[in-house]
């Protein structure tokens, strides 16, 4: 069976000897991985209505919490 490479659309034989399948090459595989890593690609999903959005603490708050810790905390 032949499939199109998701990156360049070249035909790829779908079998055990095609080590980069569904990609035609390591280059196409890495380009695709880079697009996912850069968040250029994503699986669409609806937001979870039950999930509460939590703001990240300010740096000052983190520093205050760390200042309250004993010396053994940092070992």
Protein backbone atom coordinates (compact mmCIF):
# COMPACT_ATOMS: atom_id res chain seq x y z
CA UNK A 1 0.00 0.00 0.00
CA UNK A 2 1.22 3.52 -0.77
CA UNK A 3 0.39 6.65 1.21
CA UNK A 4 1.31 10.30 0.68
CA UNK A 5 3.98 11.77 2.94
CA UNK A 6 2.12 14.21 5.22
CA UNK A 7 4.85 16.81 4.71
CA UNK A 8 5.81 16.75 1.02
CA UNK A 9 3.12 14.46 -0.45
CA UNK A 10 5.64 12.06 -2.05
CA UNK A 11 4.33 8.49 -2.23
CA UNK A 12 5.58 6.26 0.59
CA UNK A 13 5.39 2.48 0.60
CA UNK A 14 3.64 1.46 3.85
CA UNK A 15 5.68 -1.53 5.04
CA UNK A 16 8.31 -2.48 7.60
CA UNK A 17 11.17 -1.34 5.36
CA UNK A 18 9.84 2.26 5.37
CA UNK A 19 11.34 3.22 8.72
CA UNK A 20 10.05 6.82 8.64
CA UNK A 21 6.48 5.97 7.61
CA UNK A 22 4.19 7.78 7.13
CA UNK A 23 6.98 10.20 6.20
CA UNK A 24 9.25 9.68 3.22
CA UNK A 25 12.44 10.73 5.02
CA UNK A 26 13.97 11.78 8.32
CA UNK A 27 13.91 15.37 7.07
CA UNK A 28 10.13 15.37 6.59
CA UNK A 29 9.70 13.67 9.97
CA UNK A 30 11.79 16.36 11.72
CA UNK A 31 10.01 19.21 9.93
CA UNK A 32 6.69 17.83 11.16
CA UNK A 33 8.03 17.40 14.71
CA UNK A 34 9.29 21.00 14.66
CA UNK A 35 5.86 22.26 13.62
CA UNK A 36 4.27 20.44 16.57
CA UNK A 37 6.97 21.71 18.95
CA UNK A 38 6.43 25.30 17.77
CA UNK A 39 2.68 24.79 18.27
CA UNK A 40 2.03 25.46 14.59
CA UNK A 41 0.01 22.23 14.65
CA UNK A 42 -2.43 21.21 17.35
CA UNK A 43 -5.29 18.81 17.89
CA UNK A 44 -8.42 20.94 18.16
CA UNK A 45 -10.49 20.50 21.28
CA UNK A 46 -13.15 22.43 23.12
CA UNK A 47 -12.28 24.10 26.40
CA UNK A 48 -13.23 22.23 29.54
CA UNK A 49 -16.11 24.21 31.08
CA UNK A 50 -15.57 22.61 34.51
CA UNK A 51 -11.91 23.55 34.68
CA UNK A 52 -11.06 26.69 36.59
CA UNK A 53 -8.41 28.94 35.14
CA UNK A 54 -5.68 29.59 37.67
CA UNK A 55 -3.36 32.53 37.32
CA UNK A 56 0.33 31.86 37.82
CA UNK A 57 1.81 33.43 40.97
CA UNK A 58 3.88 36.58 40.67
CA UNK A 59 7.65 36.36 41.06
CA UNK A 60 7.38 38.38 44.28
CA UNK A 61 4.97 35.80 45.74
CA UNK A 62 7.32 32.95 44.86
CA UNK A 63 10.29 34.78 46.38
CA UNK A 64 8.29 35.40 49.59
CA UNK A 65 7.41 31.69 49.84
CA UNK A 66 11.04 30.70 49.30
CA UNK A 67 12.22 33.19 51.92
CA UNK A 68 9.99 31.44 54.48
CA UNK A 69 11.73 28.08 53.90
CA UNK A 70 14.53 26.80 56.11
CA UNK A 71 18.05 26.12 54.85
CA UNK A 72 17.37 22.37 54.52
CA UNK A 73 14.72 23.10 51.86
CA UNK A 74 17.41 24.07 49.34
CA UNK A 75 19.61 21.00 49.84
